[in-house]
């Protein structure tokens, strides 16, 4: 089974794991798939009072220390180039989810989720480059790549669900949505 995120010319965008981060085999993504479904169900049924309640934010926060640890394994000459760029991209994901959810309108939230998706794609690319340059081996990359894919699916699920509803305030005060 593949999972698509986005559309190009009316058709879902789907790519294989080996050629890009946008498709997942059912075998490797059952947990991520259920997380994405859970995130969509949460958006459909619950009002999120704080970004810290979002699964995608929680997962992205878990990714940051993982990336910090993995960048310590890069060669010294890459600590302040590739390593720093990987850390910035990783930090950008939960930061944009938080900022977007704290904004007052759904369209602003969608904009920040889009930025988070871009940062996640950037991080994915840099992880693959670190592997291609033999800075990190397959075993070192396995868990970060799995986590990146899980977060991508959560972002896609949340983005799709928010996009399907009309733009309205997302500010929650005292358990109710302020308009």
C-alpha atoms as a PDB file:
ATOM      1  CA  UNK A   1       0.000   0.000   0.000  1.00  0.00           C
ATOM      2  CA  UNK A   2       1.246   3.490  -0.788  1.00  0.00           C
ATOM      3  CA  UNK A   3       0.347   6.773   0.832  1.00  0.00           C
ATOM      4  CA  UNK A   4       0.222   9.918  -1.236  1.00  0.00           C
ATOM      5  CA  UNK A   5       0.784  13.424  -0.001  1.00  0.00           C
ATOM      6  CA  UNK A   6      -0.276  16.157  -2.371  1.00  0.00           C
ATOM      7  CA  UNK A   7      -1.354  16.219  -5.957  1.00  0.00           C
ATOM      8  CA  UNK A   8       0.361  17.018  -9.211  1.00  0.00           C
ATOM      9  CA  UNK A   9      -1.860  17.635 -12.204  1.00  0.00           C
ATOM     10  CA  UNK A  10      -4.844  16.076 -10.419  1.00  0.00           C
ATOM     11  CA  UNK A  11      -3.048  12.792  -9.715  1.00  0.00           C
ATOM     12  CA  UNK A  12      -1.692  11.838  -6.304  1.00  0.00           C
ATOM     13  CA  UNK A  13       2.059  12.269  -5.935  1.00  0.00           C
ATOM     14  CA  UNK A  14       3.544   8.901  -5.049  1.00  0.00           C
ATOM     15  CA  UNK A  15       7.200   7.954  -5.096  1.00  0.00           C
ATOM     16  CA  UNK A  16       9.045   4.951  -3.759  1.00  0.00           C
ATOM     17  CA  UNK A  17      11.014   5.113  -0.522  1.00  0.00           C
ATOM     18  CA  UNK A  18      14.234   4.523  -2.447  1.00  0.00           C
ATOM     19  CA  UNK A  19      13.574   7.364  -4.863  1.00  0.00           C
ATOM     20  CA  UNK A  20      11.956   9.834  -2.470  1.00  0.00           C
ATOM     21  CA  UNK A  21      10.224  10.178   0.851  1.00  0.00           C
ATOM     22  CA  UNK A  22       6.653  10.352  -0.382  1.00  0.00           C
ATOM     23  CA  UNK A  23       5.599   6.702  -0.536  1.00  0.00           C
ATOM     24  CA  UNK A  24       5.671   4.060   2.140  1.00  0.00           C
ATOM     25  CA  UNK A  25       5.395   0.306   1.875  1.00  0.00           C
ATOM     26  CA  UNK A  26       2.711  -1.078   4.188  1.00  0.00           C
ATOM     27  CA  UNK A  27       5.271  -3.349   5.907  1.00  0.00           C
ATOM     28  CA  UNK A  28       7.457  -0.479   7.120  1.00  0.00           C
ATOM     29  CA  UNK A  29       4.763   2.037   7.906  1.00  0.00           C
ATOM     30  CA  UNK A  30       1.977   0.321   9.806  1.00  0.00           C
ATOM     31  CA  UNK A  31       2.794   2.282  12.957  1.00  0.00           C
ATOM     32  CA  UNK A  32       3.236   5.541  11.069  1.00  0.00           C
ATOM     33  CA  UNK A  33       0.048   4.873   9.127  1.00  0.00           C
ATOM     34  CA  UNK A  34      -1.970   4.337  12.295  1.00  0.00           C
ATOM     35  CA  UNK A  35      -0.411   7.507  13.778  1.00  0.00           C
ATOM     36  CA  UNK A  36      -1.464   9.491  10.711  1.00  0.00           C
ATOM     37  CA  UNK A  37      -4.989   8.095  10.932  1.00  0.00           C
ATOM     38  CA  UNK A  38      -5.030   8.907  14.644  1.00  0.00           C
ATOM     39  CA  UNK A  39      -3.904  12.465  13.922  1.00  0.00           C
ATOM     40  CA  UNK A  40      -6.682  12.885  11.372  1.00  0.00           C
ATOM     41  CA  UNK A  41      -9.273  11.454  13.757  1.00  0.00           C
ATOM     42  CA  UNK A  42      -8.016  13.781  16.491  1.00  0.00           C
ATOM     43  CA  UNK A  43      -8.463  16.808  14.240  1.00  0.00           C
ATOM     44  CA  UNK A  44     -11.923  15.634  13.253  1.00  0.00           C
ATOM     45  CA  UNK A  45     -13.230  15.013  16.753  1.00  0.00           C
ATOM     46  CA  UNK A  46     -11.200  17.063  19.228  1.00  0.00           C
ATOM     47  CA  UNK A  47     -10.334  20.679  19.623  1.00  0.00           C
ATOM     48  CA  UNK A  48      -6.637  20.902  20.254  1.00  0.00           C
ATOM     49  CA  UNK A  49      -6.067  23.378  23.051  1.00  0.00           C
ATOM     50  CA  UNK A  50      -2.308  23.511  22.647  1.00  0.00           C
ATOM     51  CA  UNK A  51       0.186  22.454  19.990  1.00  0.00           C
ATOM     52  CA  UNK A  52       1.833  20.132  22.522  1.00  0.00           C
ATOM     53  CA  UNK A  53      -1.223  17.883  22.177  1.00  0.00           C
ATOM     54  CA  UNK A  54      -0.540  17.302  18.475  1.00  0.00           C
ATOM     55  CA  UNK A  55       1.075  13.938  17.717  1.00  0.00           C
ATOM     56  CA  UNK A  56       3.011  15.441  14.850  1.00  0.00           C
ATOM     57  CA  UNK A  57       4.581  18.034  17.174  1.00  0.00           C
ATOM     58  CA  UNK A  58       5.426  15.346  19.744  1.00  0.00           C
ATOM     59  CA  UNK A  59       7.035  13.111  17.104  1.00  0.00           C
ATOM     60  CA  UNK A  60       8.974  16.044  15.631  1.00  0.00           C
ATOM     61  CA  UNK A  61      10.228  16.975  19.110  1.00  0.00           C
ATOM     62  CA  UNK A  62      11.460  13.376  19.543  1.00  0.00           C
ATOM     63  CA  UNK A  63      13.319  13.630  16.232  1.00  0.00           C
ATOM     64  CA  UNK A  64      15.374  16.689  17.248  1.00  0.00           C
ATOM     65  CA  UNK A  65      17.605  14.997  19.878  1.00  0.00           C
ATOM     66  CA  UNK A  66      17.996  12.012  17.539  1.00  0.00           C
ATOM     67  CA  UNK A  67      19.343  14.344  14.827  1.00  0.00           C
ATOM     68  CA  UNK A  68      21.602  16.148  17.296  1.00  0.00           C
ATOM     69  CA  UNK A  69      23.101  12.781  18.314  1.00  0.00           C
ATOM     70  CA  UNK A  70      23.541  11.594  14.736  1.00  0.00           C
ATOM     71  CA  UNK A  71      25.253  14.838  13.663  1.00  0.00           C
ATOM     72  CA  UNK A  72      27.868  14.278  16.370  1.00  0.00           C
ATOM     73  CA  UNK A  73      28.957  11.226  14.364  1.00  0.00           C
ATOM     74  CA  UNK A  74      29.712  13.292  11.259  1.00  0.00           C
ATOM     75  CA  UNK A  75      33.355  14.032  10.445  1.00  0.00           C
ATOM     76  CA  UNK A  76      34.729  17.174  12.083  1.00  0.00           C
ATOM     77  CA  UNK A  77      34.739  19.129   8.851  1.00  0.00           C
ATOM     78  CA  UNK A  78      30.966  18.532   8.522  1.00  0.00           C
ATOM     79  CA  UNK A  79      29.924  19.546  12.056  1.00  0.00           C
ATOM     80  CA  UNK A  80      29.428  23.178  11.045  1.00  0.00           C
ATOM     81  CA  UNK A  81      28.156  22.573   7.523  1.00  0.00           C
ATOM     82  CA  UNK A  82      25.987  19.536   6.934  1.00  0.00           C
ATOM     83  CA  UNK A  83      25.516  18.886  10.654  1.00  0.00           C
ATOM     84  CA  UNK A  84      24.347  22.386  11.479  1.00  0.00           C
ATOM     85  CA  UNK A  85      21.983  22.444   8.500  1.00  0.00           C
ATOM     86  CA  UNK A  86      20.492  19.101   9.585  1.00  0.00           C
ATOM     87  CA  UNK A  87      19.944  20.436  13.113  1.00  0.00           C
ATOM     88  CA  UNK A  88      18.296  23.611  11.813  1.00  0.00           C
ATOM     89  CA  UNK A  89      15.953  21.643   9.553  1.00  0.00           C
ATOM     90  CA  UNK A  90      15.038  19.255  12.386  1.00  0.00           C
ATOM     91  CA  UNK A  91      14.289  22.124  14.800  1.00  0.00           C
ATOM     92  CA  UNK A  92      12.225  23.900  12.147  1.00  0.00           C
ATOM     93  CA  UNK A  93       9.653  21.094  11.967  1.00  0.00           C
ATOM     94  CA  UNK A  94       8.187  21.255  15.506  1.00  0.00           C
ATOM     95  CA  UNK A  95       8.747  25.030  15.614  1.00  0.00           C
ATOM     96  CA  UNK A  96       6.576  25.573  12.531  1.00  0.00           C
ATOM     97  CA  UNK A  97       3.891  23.178  13.749  1.00  0.00           C
ATOM     98  CA  UNK A  98       3.776  25.114  17.039  1.00  0.00           C
ATOM     99  CA  UNK A  99       3.739  28.529  15.391  1.00  0.00           C
ATOM    100  CA  UNK A 100       1.081  27.502  12.890  1.00  0.00           C
ATOM    101  CA  UNK A 101      -1.232  26.047  15.514  1.00  0.00           C
ATOM    102  CA  UNK A 102      -0.838  29.197  17.628  1.00  0.00           C
ATOM    103  CA  UNK A 103      -1.955  31.391  14.720  1.00  0.00           C
ATOM    104  CA  UNK A 104      -5.600  32.423  14.513  1.00  0.00           C
ATOM    105  CA  UNK A 105      -6.699  31.014  11.177  1.00  0.00           C
ATOM    106  CA  UNK A 106      -6.589  27.637   9.511  1.00  0.00           C
ATOM    107  CA  UNK A 107      -4.904  29.055   6.405  1.00  0.00           C
ATOM    108  CA  UNK A 108      -2.026  30.306   8.567  1.00  0.00           C
ATOM    109  CA  UNK A 109      -1.739  26.880  10.191  1.00  0.00           C
ATOM    110  CA  UNK A 110      -1.654  25.277   6.727  1.00  0.00           C
ATOM    111  CA  UNK A 111       1.085  27.688   5.644  1.00  0.00           C
ATOM    112  CA  UNK A 112       3.275  26.726   8.609  1.00  0.00           C
ATOM    113  CA  UNK A 113       2.559  23.013   8.104  1.00  0.00           C
ATOM    114  CA  UNK A 114       3.747  23.467   4.524  1.00  0.00           C
ATOM    115  CA  UNK A 115       6.985  25.028   5.789  1.00  0.00           C
ATOM    116  CA  UNK A 116       7.387  22.122   8.245  1.00  0.00           C
ATOM    117  CA  UNK A 117       6.945  19.655   5.363  1.00  0.00           C
ATOM    118  CA  UNK A 118       9.632  21.496   3.400  1.00  0.00           C
ATOM    119  CA  UNK A 119      12.033  21.396   6.346  1.00  0.00           C
ATOM    120  CA  UNK A 120      11.333  17.697   6.797  1.00  0.00           C
ATOM    121  CA  UNK A 121      12.055  17.046   3.095  1.00  0.00           C
ATOM    122  CA  UNK A 122      15.281  19.035   3.461  1.00  0.00           C
ATOM    123  CA  UNK A 123      16.286  16.934   6.477  1.00  0.00           C
ATOM    124  CA  UNK A 124      15.440  13.723   4.620  1.00  0.00           C
ATOM    125  CA  UNK A 125      17.653  14.808   1.717  1.00  0.00           C
ATOM    126  CA  UNK A 126      20.553  15.639   4.013  1.00  0.00           C
ATOM    127  CA  UNK A 127      20.273  12.273   5.783  1.00  0.00           C
ATOM    128  CA  UNK A 128      20.416  10.538   2.403  1.00  0.00           C
ATOM    129  CA  UNK A 129      23.417  12.670   1.419  1.00  0.00           C
ATOM    130  CA  UNK A 130      25.206  11.761   4.654  1.00  0.00           C
ATOM    131  CA  UNK A 131      24.693   8.126   3.672  1.00  0.00           C
ATOM    132  CA  UNK A 132      25.861   8.651   0.093  1.00  0.00           C
ATOM    133  CA  UNK A 133      28.972  10.436   1.322  1.00  0.00           C
ATOM    134  CA  UNK A 134      29.625   7.493   3.684  1.00  0.00           C
ATOM    135  CA  UNK A 135      29.477   9.735   6.734  1.00  0.00           C
ATOM    136  CA  UNK A 136      26.721   7.548   8.201  1.00  0.00           C
ATOM    137  CA  UNK A 137      25.944   3.899   7.515  1.00  0.00           C
ATOM    138  CA  UNK A 138      22.585   2.268   6.884  1.00  0.00           C
ATOM    139  CA  UNK A 139      22.180   1.202  10.497  1.00  0.00           C
ATOM    140  CA  UNK A 140      22.757   4.760  11.759  1.00  0.00           C
ATOM    141  CA  UNK A 141      20.262   6.129   9.235  1.00  0.00           C
ATOM    142  CA  UNK A 142      17.527   3.533   9.713  1.00  0.00           C
ATOM    143  CA  UNK A 143      15.745   5.014  12.741  1.00  0.00           C
ATOM    144  CA  UNK A 144      16.016   8.706  11.739  1.00  0.00           C
ATOM    145  CA  UNK A 145      14.663   7.896   8.267  1.00  0.00           C
ATOM    146  CA  UNK A 146      11.821   5.874   9.777  1.00  0.00           C
ATOM    147  CA  UNK A 147      10.975   8.764  12.117  1.00  0.00           C
ATOM    148  CA  UNK A 148      11.119  11.282   9.256  1.00  0.00           C
ATOM    149  CA  UNK A 149       8.657   9.154   7.284  1.00  0.00           C
ATOM    150  CA  UNK A 150       6.317   8.830  10.254  1.00  0.00           C
ATOM    151  CA  UNK A 151       6.328  12.604  10.766  1.00  0.00           C
ATOM    152  CA  UNK A 152       5.758  13.169   7.045  1.00  0.00           C
ATOM    153  CA  UNK A 153       2.667  10.999   7.186  1.00  0.00           C
ATOM    154  CA  UNK A 154       1.376  12.813  10.269  1.00  0.00           C
ATOM    155  CA  UNK A 155       1.947  16.176   8.577  1.00  0.00           C
ATOM    156  CA  UNK A 156       0.186  15.008   5.422  1.00  0.00           C
ATOM    157  CA  UNK A 157      -2.771  13.711   7.416  1.00  0.00           C
ATOM    158  CA  UNK A 158      -3.137  16.891   9.440  1.00  0.00           C
ATOM    159  CA  UNK A 159      -2.623  19.095   6.383  1.00  0.00           C
ATOM    160  CA  UNK A 160      -5.232  17.191   4.391  1.00  0.00           C
ATOM    161  CA  UNK A 161      -7.789  17.308   7.164  1.00  0.00           C
ATOM    162  CA  UNK A 162      -7.309  21.013   7.813  1.00  0.00           C
ATOM    163  CA  UNK A 163      -7.384  21.761   4.113  1.00  0.00           C
ATOM    164  CA  UNK A 164     -10.745  20.042   3.744  1.00  0.00           C
ATOM    165  CA  UNK A 165     -12.452  22.422   6.167  1.00  0.00           C
ATOM    166  CA  UNK A 166     -13.209  26.088   5.567  1.00  0.00           C
ATOM    167  CA  UNK A 167     -10.729  28.657   6.804  1.00  0.00           C
ATOM    168  CA  UNK A 168     -11.694  29.715  10.271  1.00  0.00           C
ATOM    169  CA  UNK A 169      -9.998  30.681  13.479  1.00  0.00           C
ATOM    170  CA  UNK A 170      -8.096  27.952  15.275  1.00  0.00           C
ATOM    171  CA  UNK A 171      -7.552  29.947  18.448  1.00  0.00           C
ATOM    172  CA  UNK A 172      -8.962  28.077  21.432  1.00  0.00           C
ATOM    173  CA  UNK A 173      -9.724  29.961  24.634  1.00  0.00           C
ATOM    174  CA  UNK A 174     -11.289  28.245  27.617  1.00  0.00           C
ATOM    175  CA  UNK A 175     -12.176  25.168  25.593  1.00  0.00           C
ATOM    176  CA  UNK A 176     -14.015  27.057  22.836  1.00  0.00           C
ATOM    177  CA  UNK A 177     -12.915  28.407  19.467  1.00  0.00           C
ATOM    178  CA  UNK A 178     -12.647  32.186  19.328  1.00  0.00           C
ATOM    179  CA  UNK A 179     -13.736  33.726  16.045  1.00  0.00           C
END
